[in-house]
Every structure is written in structure tokens, then in C-alpha cells.
């Protein structure tokens, strides 16, 4: 296996752990977990189909907007709680978290 795949899978594992930590921190009910799972599945399906199928630009942005709106509406309480949690952090921690997640997403985008 190449080193880029190992790094990519390790970054993906860290991102999945952070998502799991977010879910456990918010003590979601069974319905909340189902909603979060559906919204995560929508985003993963969009990324996977965007990777394997080519969309025209206008259709791509329309589908992207629809997936994000549906995901945010399904997980709105979780998103609100996480924004409140983020706002309680110190300025240094906010900058570190923002840089970390941007770096992880850019690295995953480059690798995959």
C-alpha cells in the first residue's frame, strides 16, 4: 500500500472519531442518531457519486445545495449545540480547531 493511502485512511479515521465524539458529547436520542446517520449518508453518497460520475456544473451545485440543506435540517439541533460548544472555546482553540478541520478536509480532498 502506498503512503498516501495510509495517510488518507488515518485522516479519515480521525475525522470519523471526531464525528463519533460529537455524537456522544451531545447525548443524541435514537431518532437523533438516525437523523444524523441519514444526513451523513447523504453527504457520503453525494461525494461518492461526484467522484465516480461527472455532473454539469449547474446540476452539481444544485445537488450540493439540496444535500447540504437536507443534512442541516435533519441535524439542526446537533449543529446548534456544536456551534454553541465552538463559541465557548477560547480564541486560540477556535483558531486551532478551524485550521485542523480545514487541513484535514483539504488533505482528504487531495489524497482522494
N, C-alpha and C. Protein backbone atom coordinates (compact mmCIF):
# COMPACT_ATOMS: atom_id res chain seq x y z
N UNK A 1 0.84 -1.18 0.00
CA UNK A 1 0.00 0.00 0.00
C UNK A 1 0.88 1.24 0.00
N UNK A 2 0.44 2.26 -0.69
CA UNK A 2 1.23 3.47 -0.75
C UNK A 2 1.02 4.32 0.51
N UNK A 3 1.98 5.19 0.75
CA UNK A 3 1.91 6.03 1.94
C UNK A 3 0.75 7.02 1.89
N UNK A 4 0.39 7.47 0.70
CA UNK A 4 -0.72 8.42 0.62
C UNK A 4 -2.04 7.78 1.05
N UNK A 5 -2.24 6.51 0.70
CA UNK A 5 -3.45 5.82 1.15
C UNK A 5 -3.46 5.62 2.66
N UNK A 6 -2.30 5.30 3.22
CA UNK A 6 -2.21 5.13 4.67
C UNK A 6 -2.52 6.44 5.38
N UNK A 7 -1.94 7.52 4.89
CA UNK A 7 -2.21 8.84 5.48
C UNK A 7 -3.67 9.22 5.29
N UNK A 8 -4.21 8.95 4.11
CA UNK A 8 -5.62 9.26 3.85
C UNK A 8 -6.56 8.50 4.76
N UNK A 9 -6.32 7.22 4.92
CA UNK A 9 -7.19 6.42 5.79
C UNK A 9 -7.02 6.81 7.26
N UNK A 10 -5.82 7.19 7.66
CA UNK A 10 -5.65 7.63 9.05
C UNK A 10 -6.35 8.96 9.28
N UNK A 11 -6.30 9.88 8.33
CA UNK A 11 -7.04 11.13 8.46
C UNK A 11 -8.54 10.88 8.48
N UNK A 12 -8.97 9.96 7.66
CA UNK A 12 -10.39 9.60 7.63
C UNK A 12 -10.82 8.98 8.96
N UNK A 13 -9.96 8.15 9.54
CA UNK A 13 -10.26 7.55 10.84
C UNK A 13 -10.36 8.61 11.93
N UNK A 14 -9.46 9.59 11.91
CA UNK A 14 -9.50 10.67 12.90
C UNK A 14 -10.78 11.48 12.73
N UNK A 15 -11.16 11.76 11.48
CA UNK A 15 -12.39 12.51 11.23
C UNK A 15 -13.61 11.74 11.71
N UNK A 16 -13.65 10.44 11.46
CA UNK A 16 -14.77 9.61 11.94
C UNK A 16 -14.82 9.56 13.46
N UNK A 17 -13.65 9.52 14.11
CA UNK A 17 -13.62 9.54 15.57
C UNK A 17 -14.16 10.87 16.10
N UNK A 18 -13.82 11.96 15.45
CA UNK A 18 -14.32 13.27 15.88
C UNK A 18 -15.84 13.34 15.72
N UNK A 19 -16.37 12.75 14.67
CA UNK A 19 -17.82 12.73 14.47
C UNK A 19 -18.47 11.88 15.55
N UNK A 20 -17.88 10.73 15.86
CA UNK A 20 -18.40 9.88 16.93
C UNK A 20 -18.36 10.62 18.27
N UNK A 21 -17.28 11.33 18.53
CA UNK A 21 -17.15 12.11 19.76
C UNK A 21 -18.22 13.20 19.84
N UNK A 22 -18.51 13.82 18.71
CA UNK A 22 -19.56 14.84 18.65
C UNK A 22 -20.92 14.24 18.98
N UNK A 23 -21.20 13.07 18.46
CA UNK A 23 -22.48 12.42 18.71
C UNK A 23 -22.61 12.02 20.18
N UNK A 24 -21.56 11.46 20.75
CA UNK A 24 -21.63 11.05 22.16
C UNK A 24 -21.66 12.24 23.10
N UNK A 25 -21.00 13.33 22.74
CA UNK A 25 -21.00 14.52 23.59
C UNK A 25 -22.39 15.14 23.68
N UNK A 26 -23.17 15.05 22.62
CA UNK A 26 -24.49 15.67 22.59
C UNK A 26 -25.59 14.75 23.09
N UNK A 27 -25.27 13.52 23.48
CA UNK A 27 -26.25 12.56 24.01
C UNK A 27 -27.51 12.48 23.13
N UNK A 28 -27.31 12.15 21.88
CA UNK A 28 -28.43 12.08 20.95
C UNK A 28 -29.36 10.92 21.28
N UNK A 29 -30.63 11.14 21.05
CA UNK A 29 -31.60 10.07 21.19
C UNK A 29 -31.49 9.15 19.99
N UNK A 30 -32.26 8.08 20.00
CA UNK A 30 -32.24 7.14 18.87
C UNK A 30 -32.67 7.83 17.58
N UNK A 31 -33.72 8.67 17.67
CA UNK A 31 -34.17 9.41 16.50
C UNK A 31 -33.11 10.40 16.02
N UNK A 32 -32.43 11.05 16.96
CA UNK A 32 -31.36 11.98 16.59
C UNK A 32 -30.20 11.28 15.90
N UNK A 33 -29.88 10.08 16.38
CA UNK A 33 -28.81 9.30 15.73
C UNK A 33 -29.23 8.87 14.32
N UNK A 34 -30.49 8.50 14.17
CA UNK A 34 -30.97 8.11 12.84
C UNK A 34 -30.92 9.30 11.89
N UNK A 35 -31.37 10.47 12.36
CA UNK A 35 -31.31 11.68 11.52
C UNK A 35 -29.88 12.02 11.14
N UNK A 36 -28.98 11.92 12.12
CA UNK A 36 -27.58 12.21 11.84
C UNK A 36 -27.00 11.19 10.87
N UNK A 37 -27.36 9.93 11.02
CA UNK A 37 -26.89 8.90 10.10
C UNK A 37 -27.39 9.12 8.68
N UNK A 38 -28.65 9.54 8.56
CA UNK A 38 -29.20 9.82 7.23
C UNK A 38 -28.49 10.99 6.59
N UNK A 39 -28.25 12.05 7.36
CA UNK A 39 -27.57 13.22 6.79
C UNK A 39 -26.13 12.89 6.42
N UNK A 40 -25.46 12.07 7.24
CA UNK A 40 -24.09 11.66 6.90
C UNK A 40 -24.09 10.78 5.65
N UNK A 41 -25.07 9.89 5.54
CA UNK A 41 -25.17 9.03 4.36
C UNK A 41 -25.43 9.85 3.09
N UNK A 42 -26.25 10.89 3.21
CA UNK A 42 -26.50 11.77 2.07
C UNK A 42 -25.21 12.44 1.60
N UNK A 43 -24.44 12.94 2.55
CA UNK A 43 -23.20 13.63 2.18
C UNK A 43 -22.19 12.65 1.58
N UNK A 44 -22.07 11.47 2.18
CA UNK A 44 -21.14 10.46 1.65
C UNK A 44 -21.58 10.00 0.26
N UNK A 45 -22.87 9.81 0.07
CA UNK A 45 -23.38 9.40 -1.25
C UNK A 45 -23.12 10.49 -2.29
N UNK A 46 -23.29 11.74 -1.90
CA UNK A 46 -23.02 12.84 -2.83
C UNK A 46 -21.54 12.87 -3.22
N UNK A 47 -20.66 12.71 -2.23
CA UNK A 47 -19.23 12.73 -2.52
C UNK A 47 -18.84 11.55 -3.39
N UNK A 48 -19.38 10.39 -3.07
CA UNK A 48 -19.04 9.18 -3.85
C UNK A 48 -19.55 9.29 -5.29
N UNK A 49 -20.78 9.73 -5.46
CA UNK A 49 -21.30 9.84 -6.83
C UNK A 49 -20.61 10.97 -7.58
N UNK A 50 -20.24 12.03 -6.88
CA UNK A 50 -19.49 13.11 -7.54
C UNK A 50 -18.11 12.66 -7.96
N UNK A 51 -17.55 11.71 -7.23
CA UNK A 51 -16.22 11.20 -7.58
C UNK A 51 -16.29 10.26 -8.77
N UNK A 52 -17.33 9.43 -8.84
CA UNK A 52 -17.42 8.44 -9.91
C UNK A 52 -18.20 8.92 -11.12
N UNK A 53 -19.13 9.83 -10.94
CA UNK A 53 -19.92 10.37 -12.05
C UNK A 53 -19.59 11.84 -12.23
N UNK A 54 -19.64 12.30 -13.44
CA UNK A 54 -19.39 13.72 -13.68
C UNK A 54 -20.73 14.42 -13.90
N UNK A 55 -20.93 15.48 -13.15
CA UNK A 55 -22.14 16.28 -13.28
C UNK A 55 -21.80 17.58 -14.01
N UNK A 56 -22.76 18.14 -14.74
CA UNK A 56 -22.56 19.51 -15.23
C UNK A 56 -22.52 20.45 -14.02
N UNK A 57 -21.86 21.58 -14.18
CA UNK A 57 -21.67 22.49 -13.04
C UNK A 57 -22.97 22.93 -12.40
N UNK A 58 -23.96 23.29 -13.20
CA UNK A 58 -25.22 23.76 -12.62
C UNK A 58 -25.92 22.65 -11.84
N UNK A 59 -25.91 21.44 -12.36
CA UNK A 59 -26.52 20.32 -11.65
C UNK A 59 -25.74 19.97 -10.40
N UNK A 60 -24.42 20.04 -10.46
CA UNK A 60 -23.57 19.75 -9.31
C UNK A 60 -23.91 20.69 -8.15
N UNK A 61 -23.99 21.98 -8.42
CA UNK A 61 -24.26 22.95 -7.34
C UNK A 61 -25.69 22.84 -6.84
N UNK A 62 -26.62 22.47 -7.71
CA UNK A 62 -28.00 22.26 -7.27
C UNK A 62 -28.08 21.06 -6.33
N UNK A 63 -27.46 19.95 -6.70
CA UNK A 63 -27.47 18.76 -5.85
C UNK A 63 -26.72 19.03 -4.55
N UNK A 64 -25.59 19.73 -4.64
CA UNK A 64 -24.83 20.07 -3.44
C UNK A 64 -25.66 20.91 -2.48
N UNK A 65 -26.35 21.91 -3.01
CA UNK A 65 -27.20 22.76 -2.17
C UNK A 65 -28.33 21.95 -1.53
N UNK A 66 -28.94 21.07 -2.30
CA UNK A 66 -30.04 20.26 -1.76
C UNK A 66 -29.55 19.32 -0.67
N UNK A 67 -28.39 18.69 -0.86
CA UNK A 67 -27.85 17.78 0.14
C UNK A 67 -27.50 18.52 1.42
N UNK A 68 -26.88 19.68 1.30
CA UNK A 68 -26.50 20.46 2.48
C UNK A 68 -27.74 20.96 3.22
N UNK A 69 -28.73 21.44 2.51
CA UNK A 69 -29.96 21.92 3.16
C UNK A 69 -30.68 20.77 3.87
N UNK A 70 -30.80 19.63 3.21
CA UNK A 70 -31.42 18.47 3.86
C UNK A 70 -30.64 18.00 5.08
N UNK A 71 -29.33 17.95 4.96
CA UNK A 71 -28.50 17.50 6.09
C UNK A 71 -28.58 18.46 7.26
N UNK A 72 -28.55 19.74 6.99
CA UNK A 72 -28.66 20.72 8.08
C UNK A 72 -30.03 20.72 8.72
N UNK A 73 -31.07 20.51 7.92
CA UNK A 73 -32.40 20.47 8.51
C UNK A 73 -32.62 19.21 9.35
N UNK A 74 -32.02 18.09 8.94
CA UNK A 74 -32.14 16.87 9.73
C UNK A 74 -31.33 16.95 11.02
N UNK A 75 -30.18 17.58 10.97
CA UNK A 75 -29.28 17.61 12.14
C UNK A 75 -29.17 19.00 12.74
N UNK A 76 -30.23 19.78 12.69
CA UNK A 76 -30.15 21.17 13.13
C UNK A 76 -29.83 21.30 14.62
N UNK A 77 -30.39 20.44 15.46
CA UNK A 77 -30.10 20.55 16.89
C UNK A 77 -28.64 20.21 17.18
N UNK A 78 -28.11 19.22 16.51
CA UNK A 78 -26.72 18.86 16.69
C UNK A 78 -25.81 19.99 16.23
N UNK A 79 -26.14 20.59 15.10
CA UNK A 79 -25.33 21.69 14.58
C UNK A 79 -25.38 22.88 15.54
N UNK A 80 -26.57 23.20 16.06
CA UNK A 80 -26.69 24.31 17.01
C UNK A 80 -25.87 24.06 18.27
N UNK A 81 -25.94 22.84 18.81
CA UNK A 81 -25.17 22.51 20.00
C UNK A 81 -23.67 22.59 19.75
N UNK A 82 -23.23 22.16 18.58
CA UNK A 82 -21.81 22.21 18.27
C UNK A 82 -21.34 23.65 18.04
N UNK A 83 -22.18 24.49 17.47
CA UNK A 83 -21.81 25.90 17.31
C UNK A 83 -21.70 26.57 18.68
N UNK A 84 -22.62 26.26 19.59
CA UNK A 84 -22.53 26.79 20.95
C UNK A 84 -21.26 26.32 21.63
N UNK A 85 -20.94 25.04 21.46
CA UNK A 85 -19.71 24.49 22.04
C UNK A 85 -18.48 25.17 21.46
N UNK A 86 -18.50 25.42 20.16
CA UNK A 86 -17.37 26.08 19.49
C UNK A 86 -17.22 27.51 19.98
N UNK A 87 -18.32 28.21 20.18
CA UNK A 87 -18.25 29.61 20.61
C UNK A 87 -17.75 29.76 22.05
N UNK A 88 -17.90 28.71 22.86
CA UNK A 88 -17.41 28.75 24.24
C UNK A 88 -15.90 28.57 24.34
N UNK A 89 -15.27 28.13 23.26
CA UNK A 89 -13.83 27.91 23.29
C UNK A 89 -13.08 29.24 23.30
N UNK A 90 -11.84 29.20 23.74
CA UNK A 90 -11.01 30.40 23.70
C UNK A 90 -10.63 30.70 22.25
N UNK A 91 -10.14 31.90 22.02
CA UNK A 91 -9.79 32.30 20.65
C UNK A 91 -8.70 31.40 20.07
N UNK A 92 -7.74 31.03 20.90
CA UNK A 92 -6.65 30.16 20.43
C UNK A 92 -7.20 28.80 20.01
N UNK A 93 -8.10 28.22 20.81
CA UNK A 93 -8.69 26.92 20.48
C UNK A 93 -9.58 26.99 19.25
N UNK A 94 -10.28 28.12 19.06
CA UNK A 94 -11.09 28.28 17.86
C UNK A 94 -10.22 28.26 16.61
N UNK A 95 -9.11 28.98 16.67
CA UNK A 95 -8.21 29.04 15.51
C UNK A 95 -7.59 27.67 15.25
N UNK A 96 -7.18 26.97 16.31
CA UNK A 96 -6.58 25.64 16.14
C UNK A 96 -7.60 24.66 15.56
N UNK A 97 -8.84 24.68 16.07
CA UNK A 97 -9.87 23.78 15.54
C UNK A 97 -10.18 24.08 14.08
N UNK A 98 -10.31 25.36 13.76
CA UNK A 98 -10.61 25.74 12.38
C UNK A 98 -9.49 25.30 11.44
N UNK A 99 -8.25 25.57 11.81
CA UNK A 99 -7.12 25.17 10.97
C UNK A 99 -7.03 23.66 10.84
N UNK A 100 -7.30 22.96 11.94
CA UNK A 100 -7.22 21.49 11.92
C UNK A 100 -8.24 20.91 10.94
N UNK A 101 -9.50 21.33 11.05
CA UNK A 101 -10.52 20.75 10.18
C UNK A 101 -10.33 21.15 8.73
N UNK A 102 -9.88 22.36 8.48
CA UNK A 102 -9.60 22.76 7.10
C UNK A 102 -8.46 21.93 6.54
N UNK A 103 -7.42 21.72 7.35
CA UNK A 103 -6.28 20.90 6.90
C UNK A 103 -6.70 19.47 6.62
N UNK A 104 -7.53 18.89 7.49
CA UNK A 104 -7.98 17.51 7.28
C UNK A 104 -8.81 17.41 6.01
N UNK A 105 -9.75 18.34 5.82
CA UNK A 105 -10.60 18.28 4.62
C UNK A 105 -9.81 18.51 3.34
N UNK A 106 -8.87 19.44 3.35
CA UNK A 106 -8.04 19.68 2.16
C UNK A 106 -7.15 18.48 1.88
N UNK A 107 -6.58 17.89 2.93
CA UNK A 107 -5.73 16.71 2.73
C UNK A 107 -6.53 15.54 2.17
N UNK A 108 -7.72 15.32 2.71
CA UNK A 108 -8.56 14.23 2.17
C UNK A 108 -8.96 14.51 0.74
N UNK A 109 -9.22 15.77 0.42
CA UNK A 109 -9.59 16.12 -0.95
C UNK A 109 -8.41 15.89 -1.90
N UNK A 110 -7.22 16.19 -1.47
CA UNK A 110 -6.03 15.99 -2.32
C UNK A 110 -5.75 14.50 -2.48
N UNK A 111 -5.85 13.75 -1.37
CA UNK A 111 -5.50 12.33 -1.43
C UNK A 111 -6.53 11.53 -2.22
N UNK A 112 -7.81 11.78 -1.96
CA UNK A 112 -8.84 11.01 -2.63
C UNK A 112 -9.39 11.81 -3.77
